[in-house]
N, C-alpha and C. Protein backbone atom coordinates (compact mmCIF):
# COMPACT_ATOMS: atom_id res chain seq x y z
N UNK A 1 0.86 -1.02 0.26
CA UNK A 1 0.04 0.18 -0.09
C UNK A 1 1.08 1.00 0.25
N UNK A 2 0.50 2.27 -0.88
CA UNK A 2 1.17 3.30 -1.17
C UNK A 2 0.67 4.90 -0.53
N UNK A 3 1.18 5.30 0.55
CA UNK A 3 0.86 6.19 0.80
C UNK A 3 1.30 7.70 1.04
N UNK A 4 0.53 8.40 1.81
CA UNK A 4 1.84 10.34 1.67
C UNK A 4 0.83 10.92 3.04
N UNK A 5 1.88 12.00 2.94
CA UNK A 5 0.76 12.75 3.93
C UNK A 5 0.56 12.23 5.28
N UNK A 6 1.08 11.40 6.13
CA UNK A 6 0.85 11.25 7.02
C UNK A 6 0.62 11.53 8.36
N UNK A 7 -0.40 11.94 8.97
CA UNK A 7 -0.41 12.07 10.22
C UNK A 7 -1.33 12.32 11.18
N UNK A 8 -0.50 12.46 12.80
CA UNK A 8 -1.17 11.57 13.80
C UNK A 8 -2.30 12.83 13.80
N UNK A 9 -3.99 12.77 14.16
CA UNK A 9 -4.76 13.65 14.48
C UNK A 9 -5.29 13.87 15.89
N UNK A 10 -5.00 12.90 16.42
CA UNK A 10 -5.16 12.74 17.96
C UNK A 10 -4.97 11.58 18.40
N UNK A 11 -4.08 11.38 19.44
CA UNK A 11 -3.80 10.79 20.51
C UNK A 11 -4.41 10.51 22.13
N UNK A 12 -5.36 9.71 21.96
CA UNK A 12 -6.23 9.34 23.47
C UNK A 12 -5.28 8.80 24.38
N UNK A 13 -6.31 8.39 25.46
CA UNK A 13 -6.35 7.19 26.43
C UNK A 13 -6.46 6.18 25.91
N UNK A 14 -7.02 5.63 24.64
CA UNK A 14 -7.66 4.22 24.22
C UNK A 14 -7.04 4.54 22.93
N UNK A 15 -7.20 5.41 22.40
CA UNK A 15 -7.04 4.96 20.59
C UNK A 15 -6.01 6.67 20.24
N UNK A 16 -5.97 6.50 18.97
CA UNK A 16 -5.25 7.57 17.93
C UNK A 16 -6.22 7.72 16.64
N UNK A 17 -6.41 8.60 16.28
CA UNK A 17 -6.29 8.47 14.67
C UNK A 17 -5.32 9.59 13.70
N UNK A 18 -4.97 8.56 12.83
CA UNK A 18 -4.16 8.99 11.91
C UNK A 18 -4.88 9.19 10.86
N UNK A 19 -4.09 10.21 10.03
CA UNK A 19 -4.81 10.57 8.33
C UNK A 19 -3.78 10.53 7.34
N UNK A 20 -4.22 10.24 6.28
CA UNK A 20 -3.38 9.40 5.54
C UNK A 20 -3.85 9.85 4.21
N UNK A 21 -3.36 10.17 3.14
CA UNK A 21 -3.77 9.93 1.49
C UNK A 21 -3.13 8.23 1.07
N UNK A 22 -4.07 7.75 0.67
CA UNK A 22 -3.63 6.42 0.24
C UNK A 22 -3.76 6.55 -1.60
N UNK A 23 -3.20 5.92 -2.16
CA UNK A 23 -3.12 5.48 -3.65
C UNK A 23 -3.86 3.97 -3.79
N UNK A 24 -5.16 4.48 -4.22
CA UNK A 24 -6.03 3.29 -4.40
C UNK A 24 -5.88 3.14 -6.33
N UNK A 25 -5.30 2.01 -6.55
CA UNK A 25 -4.86 1.51 -7.90
C UNK A 25 -4.60 2.65 -9.21
N UNK A 26 -5.83 2.51 -9.84
CA UNK A 26 -5.72 3.59 -11.49
C UNK A 26 -6.38 4.77 -10.68
N UNK A 27 -6.90 4.31 -9.81
CA UNK A 27 -8.08 5.54 -9.33
C UNK A 27 -7.42 6.95 -8.69
N UNK A 28 -6.55 6.48 -8.25
CA UNK A 28 -5.56 8.26 -7.90
C UNK A 28 -5.56 7.77 -6.19
N UNK A 29 -5.03 8.76 -5.27
CA UNK A 29 -5.03 9.51 -4.01
C UNK A 29 -6.40 9.64 -3.46
N UNK A 30 -6.88 9.10 -2.12
CA UNK A 30 -7.90 9.01 -1.09
C UNK A 30 -7.42 9.69 0.01
N UNK A 31 -8.30 10.60 0.74
CA UNK A 31 -7.79 10.89 2.12
C UNK A 31 -8.87 9.33 2.91
N UNK A 32 -7.72 8.84 3.93
CA UNK A 32 -8.57 7.92 5.07
C UNK A 32 -7.85 8.17 6.50
N UNK A 33 -9.06 8.21 7.09
CA UNK A 33 -8.60 8.63 8.38
C UNK A 33 -8.73 7.13 9.27
N UNK A 34 -7.58 6.69 10.17
CA UNK A 34 -7.72 5.44 10.22
C UNK A 34 -7.37 5.34 12.25
N UNK A 35 -8.63 4.65 12.49
CA UNK A 35 -8.33 4.38 14.18
C UNK A 35 -7.23 3.62 14.88
N UNK A 36 -6.34 3.97 15.45
CA UNK A 36 -5.50 3.35 15.81
C UNK A 36 -5.40 2.72 17.10
N UNK A 37 -5.23 1.26 17.38
CA UNK A 37 -5.88 0.69 18.55
C UNK A 37 -4.74 -0.63 18.98
N UNK A 38 -4.07 -0.55 20.05
CA UNK A 38 -3.09 -1.26 20.56
C UNK A 38 -3.73 -3.23 20.45
N UNK A 39 -5.18 -3.00 19.96
CA UNK A 39 -4.98 -4.52 20.00
C UNK A 39 -5.59 -4.94 21.37
N UNK A 40 -6.17 -6.30 21.32
CA UNK A 40 -6.88 -6.95 22.48
C UNK A 40 -6.97 -8.27 22.21
N UNK A 41 -7.25 -8.65 23.20
CA UNK A 41 -7.52 -10.29 23.48
C UNK A 41 -8.81 -10.84 24.27
N UNK A 42 -9.20 -12.14 24.21
CA UNK A 42 -10.60 -12.25 24.51
C UNK A 42 -10.68 -13.90 24.72
N UNK A 43 -11.48 -14.56 26.24
CA UNK A 43 -11.41 -15.43 26.22
C UNK A 43 -12.65 -16.07 26.25
N UNK A 44 -12.79 -17.21 25.69
CA UNK A 44 -14.28 -17.96 26.07
C UNK A 44 -13.85 -19.15 27.09
N UNK A 45 -14.71 -19.14 28.41
CA UNK A 45 -14.02 -19.80 29.60
C UNK A 45 -15.43 -21.08 29.34
N UNK A 46 -14.77 -22.23 29.11
CA UNK A 46 -15.56 -23.57 29.14
C UNK A 46 -15.29 -24.17 30.56
N UNK A 47 -16.27 -24.27 31.14
CA UNK A 47 -16.25 -26.01 32.52
C UNK A 47 -16.40 -26.62 32.10
N UNK A 48 -16.35 -27.75 33.03
CA UNK A 48 -16.41 -28.98 32.64
C UNK A 48 -17.34 -29.04 32.38
N UNK A 49 -18.87 -29.01 32.98
CA UNK A 49 -19.84 -29.00 33.05
C UNK A 49 -21.04 -28.73 31.54
N UNK A 50 -20.34 -28.07 30.72
CA UNK A 50 -20.84 -27.67 29.25
C UNK A 50 -21.05 -26.20 29.97
N UNK A 51 -20.85 -25.40 30.55
CA UNK A 51 -21.30 -24.06 30.72
C UNK A 51 -20.16 -23.18 30.17
N UNK A 52 -20.03 -22.14 29.91
CA UNK A 52 -19.29 -20.67 29.58
C UNK A 52 -19.77 -19.44 30.56
N UNK A 53 -18.67 -19.12 31.09
CA UNK A 53 -18.95 -18.11 31.90
C UNK A 53 -18.53 -16.69 31.28
N UNK A 54 -19.66 -15.89 31.00
CA UNK A 54 -19.68 -14.59 29.76
C UNK A 54 -19.57 -13.23 31.00
N UNK A 55 -19.45 -12.03 30.34
CA UNK A 55 -19.83 -11.01 31.37
C UNK A 55 -20.67 -10.48 30.88
N UNK A 56 -21.17 -9.50 31.83
CA UNK A 56 -21.98 -8.39 31.17
C UNK A 56 -21.85 -7.37 31.94
N UNK A 57 -21.13 -6.51 30.65
CA UNK A 57 -20.31 -5.31 30.86
C UNK A 57 -21.15 -3.99 30.52
N UNK A 58 -21.27 -2.67 31.08
CA UNK A 58 -21.33 -1.40 30.74
C UNK A 58 -21.06 -1.47 30.08
N UNK A 59 -21.24 -0.33 28.82
CA UNK A 59 -20.86 -0.69 27.18
C UNK A 59 -21.05 1.05 26.97
N UNK A 60 -20.07 2.02 27.67
CA UNK A 60 -20.92 3.52 27.58
C UNK A 60 -21.12 3.66 25.71
N UNK A 61 -20.36 3.19 24.74
CA UNK A 61 -20.62 3.54 23.55
C UNK A 61 -21.90 3.41 22.87
N UNK A 62 -22.72 2.21 23.28
CA UNK A 62 -23.84 1.69 22.78
C UNK A 62 -24.69 1.80 23.91
N UNK A 63 -24.45 2.60 24.95
CA UNK A 63 -25.31 3.04 26.12
C UNK A 63 -26.16 2.33 26.51
N UNK A 64 -25.54 0.28 26.71
CA UNK A 64 -26.04 -0.40 27.59
C UNK A 64 -25.10 -1.32 27.89
N UNK A 65 -25.77 -2.68 28.50
CA UNK A 65 -24.90 -3.79 29.10
C UNK A 65 -24.97 -4.51 27.90
N UNK A 66 -23.75 -5.28 27.55
CA UNK A 66 -23.50 -6.07 26.19
C UNK A 66 -23.02 -7.76 27.18
N UNK A 67 -23.59 -8.59 26.70
CA UNK A 67 -23.01 -9.69 27.40
C UNK A 67 -21.66 -10.49 26.62
N UNK A 68 -20.61 -10.41 27.08
CA UNK A 68 -19.16 -10.53 25.77
C UNK A 68 -18.32 -11.61 26.94
N UNK A 69 -17.37 -12.24 25.90
CA UNK A 69 -16.02 -12.76 26.99
C UNK A 69 -15.27 -11.64 27.43
N UNK A 70 -14.36 -12.36 28.54
CA UNK A 70 -13.75 -11.32 29.31
C UNK A 70 -13.03 -11.05 28.29
N UNK A 71 -12.70 -9.98 28.53
CA UNK A 71 -11.42 -9.28 27.02
C UNK A 71 -10.61 -7.89 27.75
N UNK A 72 -9.62 -7.56 27.08
CA UNK A 72 -9.02 -6.68 27.45
C UNK A 72 -7.71 -6.25 26.49
N UNK A 73 -7.14 -4.63 26.47
CA UNK A 73 -6.45 -4.21 25.46
C UNK A 73 -5.26 -5.13 25.80
N UNK A 74 -4.44 -5.05 25.31
CA UNK A 74 -2.82 -5.36 25.39
C UNK A 74 -2.19 -4.34 26.13
N UNK A 75 -0.97 -4.35 26.75
CA UNK A 75 -0.28 -3.64 27.22
C UNK A 75 0.87 -3.65 25.62
N UNK A 76 1.45 -2.74 25.86
CA UNK A 76 2.83 -2.58 25.12
C UNK A 76 3.86 -3.90 24.49
N UNK A 77 3.76 -4.35 23.69
CA UNK A 77 4.79 -5.85 24.00
C UNK A 77 4.19 -6.90 24.64
N UNK A 78 2.39 -7.20 24.96
CA UNK A 78 2.18 -8.43 25.71
C UNK A 78 1.73 -9.21 24.94
N UNK A 79 2.18 -10.42 25.44
CA UNK A 79 1.87 -11.50 24.33
C UNK A 79 0.24 -11.49 24.61
N UNK A 80 -0.46 -12.05 23.75
CA UNK A 80 -2.13 -11.75 23.93
C UNK A 80 -2.45 -13.05 24.72
N UNK A 81 -2.10 -13.98 24.58
CA UNK A 81 -2.30 -14.96 25.38
C UNK A 81 -1.87 -14.72 27.07
N UNK A 82 -1.03 -14.32 27.24
CA UNK A 82 -0.74 -13.61 29.10
C UNK A 82 -1.97 -12.52 29.11
N UNK A 83 -2.70 -11.65 28.22
CA UNK A 83 -3.20 -10.65 28.22
C UNK A 83 -4.91 -11.67 28.46
N UNK A 84 -4.87 -12.71 27.68
CA UNK A 84 -6.13 -12.99 27.84
C UNK A 84 -6.67 -14.12 29.23
N UNK A 85 -5.70 -14.71 29.86
CA UNK A 85 -5.05 -14.93 30.95
C UNK A 85 -5.72 -13.85 32.63
N UNK A 86 -4.54 -13.28 32.05
CA UNK A 86 -5.00 -11.61 32.77
C UNK A 86 -6.34 -11.36 32.90
N UNK A 87 -6.82 -11.02 31.96
CA UNK A 87 -8.07 -10.58 31.73
C UNK A 87 -9.50 -12.00 32.47
N UNK A 88 -9.12 -12.74 32.08
CA UNK A 88 -9.99 -13.91 32.68
C UNK A 88 -9.72 -14.14 34.22
N UNK A 89 -8.95 -13.76 34.82
CA UNK A 89 -8.69 -13.45 35.99
C UNK A 89 -9.16 -12.41 36.43
N UNK A 90 -9.18 -11.46 36.29
CA UNK A 90 -9.83 -9.73 36.53
C UNK A 90 -11.12 -9.87 36.77
N UNK A 91 -11.89 -9.99 35.65
CA UNK A 91 -12.97 -10.07 35.25
C UNK A 91 -13.95 -11.51 35.84
N UNK A 92 -13.74 -12.40 35.98
CA UNK A 92 -14.29 -13.26 36.70
C UNK A 92 -13.39 -14.13 37.81
N UNK A 93 -12.49 -14.14 38.17
CA UNK A 93 -11.58 -14.97 38.71
C UNK A 93 -11.16 -16.24 38.28
N UNK A 94 -11.48 -16.58 37.11
CA UNK A 94 -11.34 -17.67 36.54
C UNK A 94 -9.93 -17.62 36.37
N UNK A 95 -9.47 -19.23 36.54
CA UNK A 95 -7.91 -19.62 36.40
C UNK A 95 -8.05 -20.52 35.36
N UNK A 96 -7.60 -20.55 34.25
CA UNK A 96 -7.19 -21.80 33.06
C UNK A 96 -5.94 -22.66 33.39
N UNK A 97 -6.58 -23.88 33.60
CA UNK A 97 -5.49 -25.15 33.34
C UNK A 97 -4.58 -25.10 31.57
N UNK A 98 -5.79 -24.50 30.34
CA UNK A 98 -5.18 -24.81 29.50
C UNK A 98 -6.11 -23.55 28.77
N UNK A 99 -5.25 -22.47 27.87
CA UNK A 99 -5.81 -21.86 26.68
C UNK A 99 -5.26 -21.91 25.48
N UNK A 100 -6.06 -22.24 24.56
CA UNK A 100 -5.93 -22.40 23.17
C UNK A 100 -6.28 -21.35 22.47
N UNK A 101 -5.91 -21.19 21.04
CA UNK A 101 -6.42 -20.18 20.36
C UNK A 101 -7.22 -20.34 19.21
N UNK A 102 -7.93 -18.82 19.06
CA UNK A 102 -9.46 -19.50 18.25
C UNK A 102 -8.94 -18.36 17.44
N UNK A 103 -8.03 -17.65 17.23
CA UNK A 103 -7.73 -16.97 15.99
C UNK A 103 -7.65 -15.43 16.22
N UNK A 104 -7.67 -15.06 15.54
CA UNK A 104 -7.76 -13.31 15.24
C UNK A 104 -9.19 -12.58 14.37
N UNK A 105 -9.14 -11.86 14.90
CA UNK A 105 -10.26 -11.20 14.22
C UNK A 105 -9.99 -9.80 14.18
N UNK A 106 -10.53 -8.76 13.06
CA UNK A 106 -10.34 -7.40 12.81
C UNK A 106 -11.86 -6.79 12.91
N UNK A 107 -12.39 -6.33 13.84
CA UNK A 107 -13.65 -5.85 14.47
C UNK A 107 -14.05 -5.08 13.74
N UNK A 108 -13.55 -4.08 13.10
CA UNK A 108 -14.34 -3.00 12.07
C UNK A 108 -12.79 -2.49 11.34
N UNK A 109 -12.62 -3.13 10.09
CA UNK A 109 -11.17 -2.59 9.26
C UNK A 109 -11.92 -1.76 8.36
N UNK A 110 -12.54 -1.47 8.42
CA UNK A 110 -12.65 -0.28 7.68
C UNK A 110 -12.35 1.01 8.21
N UNK A 111 -12.15 1.15 9.37
CA UNK A 111 -11.79 2.41 10.03
C UNK A 111 -10.81 1.97 11.13
N UNK A 112 -10.89 0.88 12.12
CA UNK A 112 -9.65 0.31 13.10
C UNK A 112 -8.52 -0.57 12.48
N UNK A 113 -7.64 -0.41 13.13
CA UNK A 113 -6.30 -1.40 13.12
C UNK A 113 -6.20 -2.48 14.18
N UNK A 114 -7.16 -2.30 14.99
CA UNK A 114 -7.18 -3.28 16.00
C UNK A 114 -7.28 -4.52 15.28
N UNK A 115 -6.61 -5.45 16.39
CA UNK A 115 -6.64 -7.26 16.11
C UNK A 115 -7.24 -7.94 17.79
N UNK A 116 -8.05 -8.54 17.34
CA UNK A 116 -8.07 -9.34 19.17
C UNK A 116 -8.17 -10.69 18.18
N UNK A 117 -7.13 -11.17 19.58
CA UNK A 117 -6.65 -12.01 19.85
C UNK A 117 -7.87 -12.70 20.40
N UNK A 118 -8.50 -14.49 19.73
CA UNK A 118 -9.33 -14.99 20.76
C UNK A 118 -8.87 -16.22 21.57
N UNK A 119 -9.36 -16.82 22.64
CA UNK A 119 -9.10 -17.73 22.74
C UNK A 119 -9.90 -18.90 23.55
N UNK A 120 -9.84 -20.14 23.71
CA UNK A 120 -10.77 -20.89 24.54
C UNK A 120 -10.06 -21.42 25.69
N UNK A 121 -10.65 -21.33 27.25
CA UNK A 121 -9.78 -21.38 28.15
C UNK A 121 -10.85 -22.85 29.03
N UNK A 122 -9.78 -23.58 29.29
CA UNK A 122 -10.73 -25.12 29.98
C UNK A 122 -9.83 -25.38 31.36
N UNK A 123 -10.14 -26.49 31.93
CA UNK A 123 -9.64 -26.65 33.09
C UNK A 123 -10.03 -25.36 34.14
N UNK A 124 -10.52 -24.92 34.42
CA UNK A 124 -11.33 -23.45 34.91
C UNK A 124 -10.95 -23.89 36.82
N UNK A 125 -10.39 -23.21 37.66
CA UNK A 125 -11.08 -23.11 38.55
C UNK A 125 -11.07 -21.87 39.11
N UNK A 126 -12.06 -21.45 40.15
CA UNK A 126 -12.55 -20.35 40.59
C UNK A 126 -11.58 -19.57 41.83
N UNK A 127 -11.62 -18.31 41.19
CA UNK A 127 -10.69 -17.32 42.31
C UNK A 127 -11.70 -16.31 42.68
N UNK A 128 -10.41 -15.49 42.85
CA UNK A 128 -11.46 -14.65 42.99
C UNK A 128 -11.31 -12.94 42.27
N UNK A 129 -12.46 -12.74 41.55
CA UNK A 129 -12.03 -11.91 40.14
C UNK A 129 -11.59 -9.98 40.89
N UNK A 130 -10.70 -9.48 40.22
CA UNK A 130 -10.74 -8.05 40.70
C UNK A 130 -10.75 -6.94 39.28
N UNK A 131 -11.41 -6.82 39.18
CA UNK A 131 -12.18 -5.85 38.06
C UNK A 131 -11.76 -4.13 38.39
N UNK A 132 -11.10 -3.53 37.00
CA UNK A 132 -10.62 -2.44 37.22
C UNK A 132 -11.77 -1.36 37.82
N UNK A 133 -11.63 -0.17 38.79
CA UNK A 133 -12.05 0.67 39.22
C UNK A 133 -12.97 1.16 38.31
N UNK A 134 -13.00 1.27 37.00
CA UNK A 134 -13.97 2.14 36.27
C UNK A 134 -14.85 0.88 35.60
N UNK A 135 -14.90 -0.18 35.66
CA UNK A 135 -15.30 -1.44 35.13
C UNK A 135 -16.63 -1.59 36.34
N UNK A 136 -18.07 -1.83 35.14
CA UNK A 136 -19.26 -2.72 36.13
C UNK A 136 -19.69 -3.64 35.56
N UNK A 137 -18.65 -4.62 35.99
CA UNK A 137 -19.03 -6.04 34.88
C UNK A 137 -19.93 -7.64 36.37
N UNK A 138 -20.83 -7.92 35.87
CA UNK A 138 -21.35 -9.14 36.68
C UNK A 138 -20.75 -10.51 35.91
N UNK A 139 -20.98 -11.42 36.61
CA UNK A 139 -20.67 -13.11 35.39
C UNK A 139 -21.96 -13.83 35.27
N UNK A 140 -21.93 -14.39 34.35
CA UNK A 140 -23.43 -14.81 33.97
C UNK A 140 -22.69 -16.37 33.42
N UNK A 141 -23.17 -17.46 33.81
CA UNK A 141 -22.51 -19.00 33.45
C UNK A 141 -23.81 -19.39 32.90
N UNK A 142 -23.48 -19.55 31.67
CA UNK A 142 -24.53 -19.72 30.45
C UNK A 142 -24.04 -21.41 29.99
N UNK A 143 -25.33 -22.46 29.62
CA UNK A 143 -24.94 -23.72 28.94
C UNK A 143 -24.23 -23.01 27.70
N UNK A 144 -23.45 -23.72 27.07
CA UNK A 144 -22.77 -23.72 25.74
C UNK A 144 -23.40 -23.45 24.54
N UNK A 145 -24.86 -23.93 24.33
CA UNK A 145 -25.79 -24.05 23.79
C UNK A 145 -26.20 -23.37 23.99
N UNK A 146 -26.99 -22.79 24.81
CA UNK A 146 -27.55 -21.56 25.04
C UNK A 146 -26.89 -20.19 24.78
N UNK A 147 -26.05 -20.42 25.03
CA UNK A 147 -24.98 -19.09 24.23
C UNK A 147 -25.06 -18.89 23.07
N UNK A 148 -24.86 -20.41 22.60
CA UNK A 148 -24.22 -20.04 20.61
C UNK A 148 -25.88 -19.47 20.39
N UNK A 149 -27.31 -20.21 20.51
CA UNK A 149 -28.54 -19.77 20.53
C UNK A 149 -28.60 -18.46 20.24
N UNK A 150 -28.09 -17.96 21.65
CA UNK A 150 -28.14 -16.23 21.86
C UNK A 150 -27.41 -15.30 20.70
N UNK A 151 -26.14 -16.01 20.03
CA UNK A 151 -25.38 -15.67 18.83
C UNK A 151 -26.41 -15.59 17.78
N UNK A 152 -26.83 -16.85 17.93
CA UNK A 152 -27.81 -16.73 16.51
C UNK A 152 -29.02 -15.95 16.33
N UNK A 153 -29.62 -15.17 17.52
CA UNK A 153 -30.81 -15.04 17.55
C UNK A 153 -30.86 -13.56 17.90
N UNK A 154 -29.49 -13.11 18.16
CA UNK A 154 -29.21 -11.49 18.06
C UNK A 154 -28.89 -11.00 19.56
N UNK A 155 -29.30 -12.32 20.49
CA UNK A 155 -29.64 -11.78 22.50
C UNK A 155 -28.05 -11.09 22.42
N UNK A 156 -26.71 -11.88 21.82
CA UNK A 156 -25.38 -11.31 22.19
C UNK A 156 -25.29 -11.14 20.77
N UNK A 157 -24.88 -9.73 20.76
CA UNK A 157 -24.14 -8.49 19.89
C UNK A 157 -22.94 -8.09 19.67
N UNK A 158 -21.88 -8.88 20.84
CA UNK A 158 -20.68 -8.16 20.64
C UNK A 158 -20.16 -9.06 20.38
N UNK A 159 -19.20 -8.70 18.85
CA UNK A 159 -18.45 -9.60 18.06
C UNK A 159 -17.91 -10.63 18.09
N UNK A 160 -16.88 -10.05 18.67
CA UNK A 160 -15.50 -11.28 19.48
C UNK A 160 -16.61 -12.23 20.38
N UNK A 161 -17.56 -12.04 20.96
CA UNK A 161 -17.91 -12.85 21.47
C UNK A 161 -18.45 -14.26 20.48
N UNK A 162 -19.42 -13.55 19.49
CA UNK A 162 -20.01 -14.40 18.59
C UNK A 162 -18.98 -14.84 18.06
N UNK A 163 -17.68 -14.44 17.59
CA UNK A 163 -16.61 -15.24 16.72
C UNK A 163 -16.06 -16.40 17.71
N UNK A 164 -16.13 -16.35 18.74
CA UNK A 164 -15.45 -17.03 19.82
C UNK A 164 -16.58 -17.97 20.19
N UNK A 165 -17.72 -17.45 20.59
CA UNK A 165 -18.69 -19.04 20.47
C UNK A 165 -18.53 -20.32 19.14
N UNK A 166 -18.48 -19.31 17.76
CA UNK A 166 -18.74 -19.95 16.53
C UNK A 166 -17.53 -20.87 16.35
N UNK A 167 -16.40 -20.42 16.95
CA UNK A 167 -14.66 -20.94 17.08
C UNK A 167 -14.86 -22.11 17.80
N UNK A 168 -15.42 -21.62 19.30
CA UNK A 168 -15.09 -22.81 20.01
C UNK A 168 -15.86 -23.84 19.58
N UNK A 169 -17.57 -24.11 18.68
CA UNK A 169 -18.11 -25.46 18.33
C UNK A 169 -17.74 -25.78 17.39
N UNK A 170 -16.64 -24.99 16.70
CA UNK A 170 -16.02 -25.89 15.08
C UNK A 170 -14.62 -26.88 16.82
N UNK A 171 -13.89 -25.96 16.68
CA UNK A 171 -12.76 -26.85 17.61
C UNK A 171 -13.23 -27.95 18.38
N UNK A 172 -14.48 -27.47 19.32
CA UNK A 172 -14.60 -28.83 20.15
C UNK A 172 -15.47 -30.29 19.76
N UNK A 173 -15.63 -29.77 18.13
CA UNK A 173 -16.65 -30.56 16.67
C UNK A 173 -15.74 -31.67 16.83
């Protein structure tokens, strides 16, 4: 990809906005704005009884609570699997004996460069949750098949959670 006139327009607490001109084939140069994000990791916690633990979390951007897999932002240079394990513990109190990759997603590649790494956690034991002070979170333990149905019928709308459920279903088949 050929670019020119790159400039950071905004550097915030979580994201930055970069503007650039991009050469689009024979069509010429077009201006784009890209939201820069450090990426994150999400983890689907699957219990031995076939249930999953999801979190219900306030999301001010959509002015509602969403049902999601535990997830969080990557620290600079942080291994995504370690981030997933950390977020699982912080948000649910769960510790996993095994965490396997379910791949990555690009949640909104038209505007964000964010990459979310997805994982499946098994061999769970319960500890004490320690969410961040700014997080309003509650845990919900749901049968895996019910969570899949909720993803299919629109009750779960969070993209990373829907993808994690579908990829876990395939992984477990």
